[in-house]
Amino acid sequence: MAVSKETRSYIESLIDYYISEAESYLDIAKSCNSGGSAVDTTVGIIIGCIYSAYLQSCKDAPPKLEEINDVVMIIGAKVGDIKKAITGQPSP
C-alpha cells in the first residue's frame, strides 16, 4: 500500500464517522434529490465528504496516484457498510 498507516487510520475513522451519521446525510439527500435514488445520492455525498477531507489533509504535499488509488480502494471496501447504515441494516 502506498498510504501510510496514519493516513489509512484517518480514512477509516472518517468512514466510521460518516457511517454513524448516515441518517443525517440521508435526510439531506432526500431534501435535495430530484427523482433519483436517495440512498445512492447519500452514498455519493458521504464518499465525496471522505475524499474531500482526505485531499484537505494532503494540502502540504499533493498525493501521488498510488495513494489516491489506495484511498479509493479503502473507501470502496466500505461502501457496503455505508449503504447498510443508510438503509438501517445492521453491519456484521
PDB file of N, CA and C in Angstrom:
ATOM      1  N   MET A   1       0.829  -1.192   0.000  1.00  0.00           N
ATOM      2  CA  MET A   1       0.000   0.000   0.000  1.00  0.00           C
ATOM      3  C   MET A   1       0.872   1.255   0.000  1.00  0.00           C
ATOM      4  N   ALA A   2       0.420   2.239  -0.706  1.00  0.00           N
ATOM      5  CA  ALA A   2       1.161   3.487  -0.796  1.00  0.00           C
ATOM      6  C   ALA A   2       0.796   4.458   0.327  1.00  0.00           C
ATOM      7  N   VAL A   3      -0.384   4.319   0.924  1.00  0.00           N
ATOM      8  CA  VAL A   3      -0.749   5.236   2.001  1.00  0.00           C
ATOM      9  C   VAL A   3      -0.136   4.759   3.313  1.00  0.00           C
ATOM     10  N   SER A   4       0.196   5.709   4.148  1.00  0.00           N
ATOM     11  CA  SER A   4       0.799   5.380   5.436  1.00  0.00           C
ATOM     12  C   SER A   4      -0.261   4.800   6.379  1.00  0.00           C
ATOM     13  N   LYS A   5       0.204   4.176   7.446  1.00  0.00           N
ATOM     14  CA  LYS A   5      -0.723   3.648   8.459  1.00  0.00           C
ATOM     15  C   LYS A   5      -1.564   4.777   9.037  1.00  0.00           C
ATOM     16  N   GLU A   6      -0.923   5.920   9.223  1.00  0.00           N
ATOM     17  CA  GLU A   6      -1.622   7.082   9.778  1.00  0.00           C
ATOM     18  C   GLU A   6      -2.750   7.539   8.850  1.00  0.00           C
ATOM     19  N   THR A   7      -2.462   7.598   7.558  1.00  0.00           N
ATOM     20  CA  THR A   7      -3.475   8.010   6.589  1.00  0.00           C
ATOM     21  C   THR A   7      -4.595   6.988   6.515  1.00  0.00           C
ATOM     22  N   ARG A   8      -4.237   5.705   6.511  1.00  0.00           N
ATOM     23  CA  ARG A   8      -5.247   4.639   6.491  1.00  0.00           C
ATOM     24  C   ARG A   8      -6.157   4.767   7.710  1.00  0.00           C
ATOM     25  N   SER A   9      -5.561   4.978   8.855  1.00  0.00           N
ATOM     26  CA  SER A   9      -6.340   5.122  10.093  1.00  0.00           C
ATOM     27  C   SER A   9      -7.254   6.345  10.010  1.00  0.00           C
ATOM     28  N   TYR A  10      -6.743   7.437   9.459  1.00  0.00           N
ATOM     29  CA  TYR A  10      -7.538   8.650   9.299  1.00  0.00           C
ATOM     30  C   TYR A  10      -8.737   8.404   8.385  1.00  0.00           C
ATOM     31  N   ILE A  11      -8.503   7.760   7.249  1.00  0.00           N
ATOM     32  CA  ILE A  11      -9.591   7.459   6.305  1.00  0.00           C
ATOM     33  C   ILE A  11     -10.623   6.550   6.967  1.00  0.00           C
ATOM     34  N   GLU A  12     -10.161   5.527   7.658  1.00  0.00           N
ATOM     35  CA  GLU A  12     -11.080   4.601   8.332  1.00  0.00           C
ATOM     36  C   GLU A  12     -11.887   5.302   9.420  1.00  0.00           C
ATOM     37  N   SER A  13     -11.270   6.249  10.124  1.00  0.00           N
ATOM     38  CA  SER A  13     -12.023   6.991  11.144  1.00  0.00           C
ATOM     39  C   SER A  13     -13.068   7.899  10.497  1.00  0.00           C
ATOM     40  N   LEU A  14     -12.734   8.474   9.336  1.00  0.00           N
ATOM     41  CA  LEU A  14     -13.722   9.273   8.603  1.00  0.00           C
ATOM     42  C   LEU A  14     -14.901   8.407   8.175  1.00  0.00           C
ATOM     43  N   ILE A  15     -14.594   7.232   7.652  1.00  0.00           N
ATOM     44  CA  ILE A  15     -15.655   6.315   7.214  1.00  0.00           C
ATOM     45  C   ILE A  15     -16.546   5.960   8.396  1.00  0.00           C
ATOM     46  N   ASP A  16     -15.944   5.628   9.529  1.00  0.00           N
ATOM     47  CA  ASP A  16     -16.727   5.289  10.722  1.00  0.00           C
ATOM     48  C   ASP A  16     -17.616   6.454  11.156  1.00  0.00           C
ATOM     49  N   TYR A  17     -17.059   7.672  11.106  1.00  0.00           N
ATOM     50  CA  TYR A  17     -17.849   8.840  11.479  1.00  0.00           C
ATOM     51  C   TYR A  17     -19.050   8.999  10.549  1.00  0.00           C
ATOM     52  N   TYR A  18     -18.818   8.954   9.247  1.00  0.00           N
ATOM     53  CA  TYR A  18     -19.918   9.156   8.303  1.00  0.00           C
ATOM     54  C   TYR A  18     -20.934   8.023   8.351  1.00  0.00           C
ATOM     55  N   ILE A  19     -20.489   6.817   8.674  1.00  0.00           N
ATOM     56  CA  ILE A  19     -21.433   5.720   8.876  1.00  0.00           C
ATOM     57  C   ILE A  19     -22.328   6.032  10.075  1.00  0.00           C
ATOM     58  N   SER A  20     -21.730   6.569  11.126  1.00  0.00           N
ATOM     59  CA  SER A  20     -22.519   6.880  12.327  1.00  0.00           C
ATOM     60  C   SER A  20     -23.507   8.018  12.089  1.00  0.00           C
ATOM     61  N   GLU A  21     -23.236   8.854  11.109  1.00  0.00           N
ATOM     62  CA  GLU A  21     -24.100   9.998  10.797  1.00  0.00           C
ATOM     63  C   GLU A  21     -24.903   9.804   9.511  1.00  0.00           C
ATOM     64  N   ALA A  22     -24.978   8.575   9.024  1.00  0.00           N
ATOM     65  CA  ALA A  22     -25.612   8.296   7.729  1.00  0.00           C
ATOM     66  C   ALA A  22     -27.050   8.804   7.641  1.00  0.00           C
ATOM     67  N   GLU A  23     -27.801   8.668   8.717  1.00  0.00           N
ATOM     68  CA  GLU A  23     -29.205   9.101   8.690  1.00  0.00           C
ATOM     69  C   GLU A  23     -29.326  10.598   8.398  1.00  0.00           C
ATOM     70  N   SER A  24     -28.439  11.391   8.965  1.00  0.00           N
ATOM     71  CA  SER A  24     -28.464  12.835   8.715  1.00  0.00           C
ATOM     72  C   SER A  24     -28.186  13.139   7.245  1.00  0.00           C
ATOM     73  N   TYR A  25     -27.247  12.414   6.670  1.00  0.00           N
ATOM     74  CA  TYR A  25     -26.920  12.637   5.263  1.00  0.00           C
ATOM     75  C   TYR A  25     -28.029  12.137   4.348  1.00  0.00           C
ATOM     76  N   LEU A  26     -28.737  11.109   4.785  1.00  0.00           N
ATOM     77  CA  LEU A  26     -29.897  10.640   4.028  1.00  0.00           C
ATOM     78  C   LEU A  26     -30.972  11.724   4.013  1.00  0.00           C
ATOM     79  N   ASP A  27     -31.190  12.383   5.132  1.00  0.00           N
ATOM     80  CA  ASP A  27     -32.164  13.483   5.185  1.00  0.00           C
ATOM     81  C   ASP A  27     -31.779  14.595   4.212  1.00  0.00           C
ATOM     82  N   ILE A  28     -30.496  14.918   4.162  1.00  0.00           N
ATOM     83  CA  ILE A  28     -30.020  15.944   3.224  1.00  0.00           C
ATOM     84  C   ILE A  28     -30.283  15.496   1.785  1.00  0.00           C
ATOM     85  N   ALA A  29     -29.949  14.240   1.489  1.00  0.00           N
ATOM     86  CA  ALA A  29     -30.140  13.720   0.133  1.00  0.00           C
ATOM     87  C   ALA A  29     -31.611  13.743  -0.264  1.00  0.00           C
ATOM     88  N   LYS A  30     -32.477  13.375   0.665  1.00  0.00           N
ATOM     89  CA  LYS A  30     -33.918  13.383   0.361  1.00  0.00           C
ATOM     90  C   LYS A  30     -34.409  14.788   0.059  1.00  0.00           C
ATOM     91  N   SER A  31     -33.889  15.774   0.751  1.00  0.00           N
ATOM     92  CA  SER A  31     -34.353  17.141   0.531  1.00  0.00           C
ATOM     93  C   SER A  31     -33.813  17.738  -0.766  1.00  0.00           C
ATOM     94  N   CYS A  32     -32.711  17.192  -1.267  1.00  0.00           N
ATOM     95  CA  CYS A  32     -32.095  17.721  -2.488  1.00  0.00           C
ATOM     96  C   CYS A  32     -32.328  16.846  -3.706  1.00  0.00           C
ATOM     97  N   ASN A  33     -32.857  15.663  -3.510  1.00  0.00           N
ATOM     98  CA  ASN A  33     -32.977  14.680  -4.572  1.00  0.00           C
ATOM     99  C   ASN A  33     -34.157  15.004  -5.482  1.00  0.00           C
ATOM    100  N   SER A  34     -33.917  14.921  -6.774  1.00  0.00           N
ATOM    101  CA  SER A  34     -34.998  15.211  -7.726  1.00  0.00           C
ATOM    102  C   SER A  34     -35.303  13.979  -8.570  1.00  0.00           C
ATOM    103  N   GLY A  35     -35.758  12.922  -7.909  1.00  0.00           N
ATOM    104  CA  GLY A  35     -36.206  11.754  -8.639  1.00  0.00           C
ATOM    105  C   GLY A  35     -35.271  10.575  -8.650  1.00  0.00           C
ATOM    106  N   GLY A  36     -34.020  10.764  -8.277  1.00  0.00           N
ATOM    107  CA  GLY A  36     -33.082   9.646  -8.250  1.00  0.00           C
ATOM    108  C   GLY A  36     -33.178   8.900  -6.927  1.00  0.00           C
ATOM    109  N   SER A  37     -32.294   7.969  -6.737  1.00  0.00           N
ATOM    110  CA  SER A  37     -32.255   7.184  -5.518  1.00  0.00           C
ATOM    111  C   SER A  37     -31.626   7.999  -4.389  1.00  0.00           C
ATOM    112  N   ALA A  38     -32.372   8.173  -3.311  1.00  0.00           N
ATOM    113  CA  ALA A  38     -31.851   8.911  -2.156  1.00  0.00           C
ATOM    114  C   ALA A  38     -30.678   8.167  -1.526  1.00  0.00           C
ATOM    115  N   VAL A  39     -30.726   6.843  -1.557  1.00  0.00           N
ATOM    116  CA  VAL A  39     -29.624   6.052  -0.997  1.00  0.00           C
ATOM    117  C   VAL A  39     -28.354   6.279  -1.817  1.00  0.00           C
ATOM    118  N   ASP A  40     -28.463   6.200  -3.132  1.00  0.00           N
ATOM    119  CA  ASP A  40     -27.295   6.415  -3.986  1.00  0.00           C
ATOM    120  C   ASP A  40     -26.757   7.833  -3.844  1.00  0.00           C
ATOM    121  N   THR A  41     -27.660   8.796  -3.739  1.00  0.00           N
ATOM    122  CA  THR A  41     -27.244  10.184  -3.544  1.00  0.00           C
ATOM    123  C   THR A  41     -26.496  10.324  -2.228  1.00  0.00           C
ATOM    124  N   THR A  42     -26.997   9.676  -1.182  1.00  0.00           N
ATOM    125  CA  THR A  42     -26.359   9.739   0.129  1.00  0.00           C
ATOM    126  C   THR A  42     -24.974   9.106   0.092  1.00  0.00           C
ATOM    127  N   VAL A  43     -24.861   7.966  -0.574  1.00  0.00           N
ATOM    128  CA  VAL A  43     -23.548   7.321  -0.720  1.00  0.00           C
ATOM    129  C   VAL A  43     -22.586   8.291  -1.400  1.00  0.00           C
ATOM    130  N   GLY A  44     -23.034   8.945  -2.442  1.00  0.00           N
ATOM    131  CA  GLY A  44     -22.196   9.909  -3.147  1.00  0.00           C
ATOM    132  C   GLY A  44     -21.778  11.080  -2.274  1.00  0.00           C
ATOM    133  N   ILE A  45     -22.714  11.589  -1.488  1.00  0.00           N
ATOM    134  CA  ILE A  45     -22.390  12.695  -0.582  1.00  0.00           C
ATOM    135  C   ILE A  45     -21.327  12.258   0.419  1.00  0.00           C
ATOM    136  N   ILE A  46     -21.533  11.090   1.023  1.00  0.00           N
ATOM    137  CA  ILE A  46     -20.601  10.602   2.043  1.00  0.00           C
ATOM    138  C   ILE A  46     -19.218  10.330   1.441  1.00  0.00           C
ATOM    139  N   ILE A  47     -19.174   9.668   0.300  1.00  0.00           N
ATOM    140  CA  ILE A  47     -17.884   9.401  -0.333  1.00  0.00           C
ATOM    141  C   ILE A  47     -17.196  10.715  -0.704  1.00  0.00           C
ATOM    142  N   GLY A  48     -17.960  11.663  -1.197  1.00  0.00           N
ATOM    143  CA  GLY A  48     -17.393  12.974  -1.526  1.00  0.00           C
ATOM    144  C   GLY A  48     -16.824  13.674  -0.309  1.00  0.00           C
ATOM    145  N   CYS A  49     -17.510  13.585   0.815  1.00  0.00           N
ATOM    146  CA  CYS A  49     -17.017  14.201   2.058  1.00  0.00           C
ATOM    147  C   CYS A  49     -15.723  13.531   2.523  1.00  0.00           C
ATOM    148  N   ILE A  50     -15.679  12.211   2.467  1.00  0.00           N
ATOM    149  CA  ILE A  50     -14.483  11.473   2.889  1.00  0.00           C
ATOM    150  C   ILE A  50     -13.304  11.834   1.981  1.00  0.00           C
ATOM    151  N   TYR A  51     -13.533  11.795   0.688  1.00  0.00           N
ATOM    152  CA  TYR A  51     -12.470  12.082  -0.272  1.00  0.00           C
ATOM    153  C   TYR A  51     -11.992  13.526  -0.134  1.00  0.00           C
ATOM    154  N   SER A  52     -12.924  14.441   0.053  1.00  0.00           N
ATOM    155  CA  SER A  52     -12.576  15.844   0.222  1.00  0.00           C
ATOM    156  C   SER A  52     -11.736  16.052   1.482  1.00  0.00           C
ATOM    157  N   ALA A  53     -12.117  15.399   2.569  1.00  0.00           N
ATOM    158  CA  ALA A  53     -11.346  15.509   3.812  1.00  0.00           C
ATOM    159  C   ALA A  53      -9.940  14.945   3.625  1.00  0.00           C
ATOM    160  N   TYR A  54      -9.835  13.844   2.887  1.00  0.00           N
ATOM    161  CA  TYR A  54      -8.517  13.274   2.588  1.00  0.00           C
ATOM    162  C   TYR A  54      -7.669  14.275   1.810  1.00  0.00           C
ATOM    163  N   LEU A  55      -8.237  14.864   0.771  1.00  0.00           N
ATOM    164  CA  LEU A  55      -7.477  15.824  -0.025  1.00  0.00           C
ATOM    165  C   LEU A  55      -7.062  17.037   0.807  1.00  0.00           C
ATOM    166  N   GLN A  56      -7.927  17.477   1.715  1.00  0.00           N
ATOM    167  CA  GLN A  56      -7.578  18.583   2.600  1.00  0.00           C
ATOM    168  C   GLN A  56      -6.387  18.225   3.486  1.00  0.00           C
ATOM    169  N   SER A  57      -6.319  16.955   3.876  1.00  0.00           N
ATOM    170  CA  SER A  57      -5.203  16.530   4.731  1.00  0.00           C
ATOM    171  C   SER A  57      -3.888  16.478   3.957  1.00  0.00           C
ATOM    172  N   CYS A  58      -3.959  16.530   2.644  1.00  0.00           N
ATOM    173  CA  CYS A  58      -2.768  16.481   1.785  1.00  0.00           C
ATOM    174  C   CYS A  58      -2.371  17.861   1.282  1.00  0.00           C
ATOM    175  N   LYS A  59      -2.855  18.913   1.891  1.00  0.00           N
ATOM    176  CA  LYS A  59      -2.649  20.244   1.335  1.00  0.00           C
ATOM    177  C   LYS A  59      -1.175  20.656   1.274  1.00  0.00           C
ATOM    178  N   ASP A  60      -0.318  20.073   2.121  1.00  0.00           N
ATOM    179  CA  ASP A  60       1.095  20.421   2.089  1.00  0.00           C
ATOM    180  C   ASP A  60       1.858  19.707   0.977  1.00  0.00           C
ATOM    181  N   ALA A  61       1.387  18.524   0.602  1.00  0.00           N
ATOM    182  CA  ALA A  61       2.046  17.756  -0.459  1.00  0.00           C
ATOM    183  C   ALA A  61       0.974  17.009  -1.248  1.00  0.00           C
ATOM    184  N   PRO A  62       0.803  17.334  -2.524  1.00  0.00           N
ATOM    185  CA  PRO A  62      -0.225  16.651  -3.317  1.00  0.00           C
ATOM    186  C   PRO A  62      -0.016  15.136  -3.289  1.00  0.00           C
ATOM    187  N   PRO A  63      -1.116  14.376  -3.177  1.00  0.00           N
ATOM    188  CA  PRO A  63      -0.976  12.918  -3.122  1.00  0.00           C
ATOM    189  C   PRO A  63      -0.543  12.353  -4.467  1.00  0.00           C
ATOM    190  N   LYS A  64       0.169  11.247  -4.396  1.00  0.00           N
ATOM    191  CA  LYS A  64       0.574  10.535  -5.607  1.00  0.00           C
ATOM    192  C   LYS A  64      -0.579   9.651  -6.059  1.00  0.00           C
ATOM    193  N   LEU A  65      -0.546   9.269  -7.319  1.00  0.00           N
ATOM    194  CA  LEU A  65      -1.617   8.455  -7.897  1.00  0.00           C
ATOM    195  C   LEU A  65      -1.819   7.159  -7.113  1.00  0.00           C
ATOM    196  N   GLU A  66      -0.722   6.512  -6.686  1.00  0.00           N
ATOM    197  CA  GLU A  66      -0.859   5.257  -5.922  1.00  0.00           C
ATOM    198  C   GLU A  66      -1.608   5.496  -4.614  1.00  0.00           C
ATOM    199  N   GLU A  67      -1.334   6.626  -3.973  1.00  0.00           N
ATOM    200  CA  GLU A  67      -2.015   6.951  -2.726  1.00  0.00           C
ATOM    201  C   GLU A  67      -3.505   7.158  -2.964  1.00  0.00           C
ATOM    202  N   ILE A  68      -3.833   7.886  -4.021  1.00  0.00           N
ATOM    203  CA  ILE A  68      -5.240   8.117  -4.346  1.00  0.00           C
ATOM    204  C   ILE A  68      -5.932   6.789  -4.636  1.00  0.00           C
ATOM    205  N   ASN A  69      -5.279   5.931  -5.402  1.00  0.00           N
ATOM    206  CA  ASN A  69      -5.860   4.618  -5.701  1.00  0.00           C
ATOM    207  C   ASN A  69      -6.093   3.812  -4.431  1.00  0.00           C
ATOM    208  N   ASP A  70      -5.147   3.871  -3.488  1.00  0.00           N
ATOM    209  CA  ASP A  70      -5.314   3.150  -2.225  1.00  0.00           C
ATOM    210  C   ASP A  70      -6.493   3.703  -1.424  1.00  0.00           C
ATOM    211  N   VAL A  71      -6.617   5.019  -1.391  1.00  0.00           N
ATOM    212  CA  VAL A  71      -7.731   5.630  -0.673  1.00  0.00           C
ATOM    213  C   VAL A  71      -9.056   5.211  -1.308  1.00  0.00           C
ATOM    214  N   VAL A  72      -9.113   5.204  -2.622  1.00  0.00           N
ATOM    215  CA  VAL A  72     -10.321   4.768  -3.323  1.00  0.00           C
ATOM    216  C   VAL A  72     -10.645   3.316  -2.965  1.00  0.00           C
ATOM    217  N   MET A  73      -9.623   2.475  -2.878  1.00  0.00           N
ATOM    218  CA  MET A  73      -9.844   1.069  -2.515  1.00  0.00           C
ATOM    219  C   MET A  73     -10.335   0.938  -1.067  1.00  0.00           C
ATOM    220  N   ILE A  74      -9.777   1.729  -0.161  1.00  0.00           N
ATOM    221  CA  ILE A  74     -10.205   1.695   1.243  1.00  0.00           C
ATOM    222  C   ILE A  74     -11.674   2.094   1.339  1.00  0.00           C
ATOM    223  N   ILE A  75     -12.022   3.173   0.676  1.00  0.00           N
ATOM    224  CA  ILE A  75     -13.421   3.631   0.683  1.00  0.00           C
ATOM    225  C   ILE A  75     -14.316   2.593   0.013  1.00  0.00           C
ATOM    226  N   GLY A  76     -13.898   2.094  -1.135  1.00  0.00           N
ATOM    227  CA  GLY A  76     -14.694   1.115  -1.881  1.00  0.00           C
ATOM    228  C   GLY A  76     -14.987  -0.136  -1.077  1.00  0.00           C
ATOM    229  N   ALA A  77     -14.043  -0.540  -0.254  1.00  0.00           N
ATOM    230  CA  ALA A  77     -14.235  -1.735   0.577  1.00  0.00           C
ATOM    231  C   ALA A  77     -15.312  -1.529   1.637  1.00  0.00           C
ATOM    232  N   LYS A  78     -15.642  -0.267   1.919  1.00  0.00           N
ATOM    233  CA  LYS A  78     -16.625   0.045   2.961  1.00  0.00           C
ATOM    234  C   LYS A  78     -17.962   0.538   2.412  1.00  0.00           C
ATOM    235  N   VAL A  79     -18.103   0.585   1.100  1.00  0.00           N
ATOM    236  CA  VAL A  79     -19.351   1.084   0.515  1.00  0.00           C
ATOM    237  C   VAL A  79     -20.546   0.258   0.980  1.00  0.00           C
ATOM    238  N   GLY A  80     -20.386  -1.046   1.084  1.00  0.00           N
ATOM    239  CA  GLY A  80     -21.482  -1.896   1.570  1.00  0.00           C
ATOM    240  C   GLY A  80     -21.906  -1.512   2.971  1.00  0.00           C
ATOM    241  N   ASP A  81     -20.941  -1.237   3.842  1.00  0.00           N
ATOM    242  CA  ASP A  81     -21.257  -0.816   5.208  1.00  0.00           C
ATOM    243  C   ASP A  81     -21.935   0.551   5.222  1.00  0.00           C
ATOM    244  N   ILE A  82     -21.493   1.433   4.342  1.00  0.00           N
ATOM    245  CA  ILE A  82     -22.110   2.758   4.242  1.00  0.00           C
ATOM    246  C   ILE A  82     -23.571   2.612   3.814  1.00  0.00           C
ATOM    247  N   LYS A  83     -23.829   1.786   2.793  1.00  0.00           N
ATOM    248  CA  LYS A  83     -25.199   1.572   2.327  1.00  0.00           C
ATOM    249  C   LYS A  83     -26.063   0.952   3.416  1.00  0.00           C
ATOM    250  N   LYS A  84     -25.514  -0.007   4.154  1.00  0.00           N
ATOM    251  CA  LYS A  84     -26.273  -0.627   5.248  1.00  0.00           C
ATOM    252  C   LYS A  84     -26.638   0.398   6.309  1.00  0.00           C
ATOM    253  N   ALA A  85     -25.716   1.289   6.616  1.00  0.00           N
ATOM    254  CA  ALA A  85     -26.002   2.329   7.609  1.00  0.00           C
ATOM    255  C   ALA A  85     -27.093   3.271   7.117  1.00  0.00           C
ATOM    256  N   ILE A  86     -27.068   3.576   5.839  1.00  0.00           N
ATOM    257  CA  ILE A  86     -28.068   4.480   5.257  1.00  0.00           C
ATOM    258  C   ILE A  86     -29.458   3.838   5.294  1.00  0.00           C
ATOM    259  N   THR A  87     -29.509   2.557   4.987  1.00  0.00           N
ATOM    260  CA  THR A  87     -30.809   1.861   4.926  1.00  0.00           C
ATOM    261  C   THR A  87     -31.242   1.284   6.276  1.00  0.00           C
ATOM    262  N   GLY A  88     -30.392   1.453   7.294  1.00  0.00           N
ATOM    263  CA  GLY A  88     -30.760   0.988   8.628  1.00  0.00           C
ATOM    264  C   GLY A  88     -30.513  -0.488   8.859  1.00  0.00           C
ATOM    265  N   GLN A  89     -29.779  -1.131   7.970  1.00  0.00           N
ATOM    266  CA  GLN A  89     -29.456  -2.546   8.149  1.00  0.00           C
ATOM    267  C   GLN A  89     -28.232  -2.681   9.056  1.00  0.00           C
ATOM    268  N   PRO A  90     -28.226  -3.684   9.908  1.00  0.00           N
ATOM    269  CA  PRO A  90     -27.059  -3.854  10.773  1.00  0.00           C
ATOM    270  C   PRO A  90     -25.839  -4.332   9.974  1.00  0.00           C
ATOM    271  N   SER A  91     -24.664  -3.857  10.364  1.00  0.00           N
ATOM    272  CA  SER A  91     -23.416  -4.320   9.761  1.00  0.00           C
ATOM    273  C   SER A  91     -22.917  -5.522  10.537  1.00  0.00           C
ATOM    274  N   PRO A  92     -22.186  -6.424   9.863  1.00  0.00           N
ATOM    275  CA  PRO A  92     -21.681  -7.609  10.571  1.00  0.00           C
ATOM    276  C   PRO A  92     -20.650  -7.256  11.615  1.00  0.00           C
TER     277      PRO A  92
END
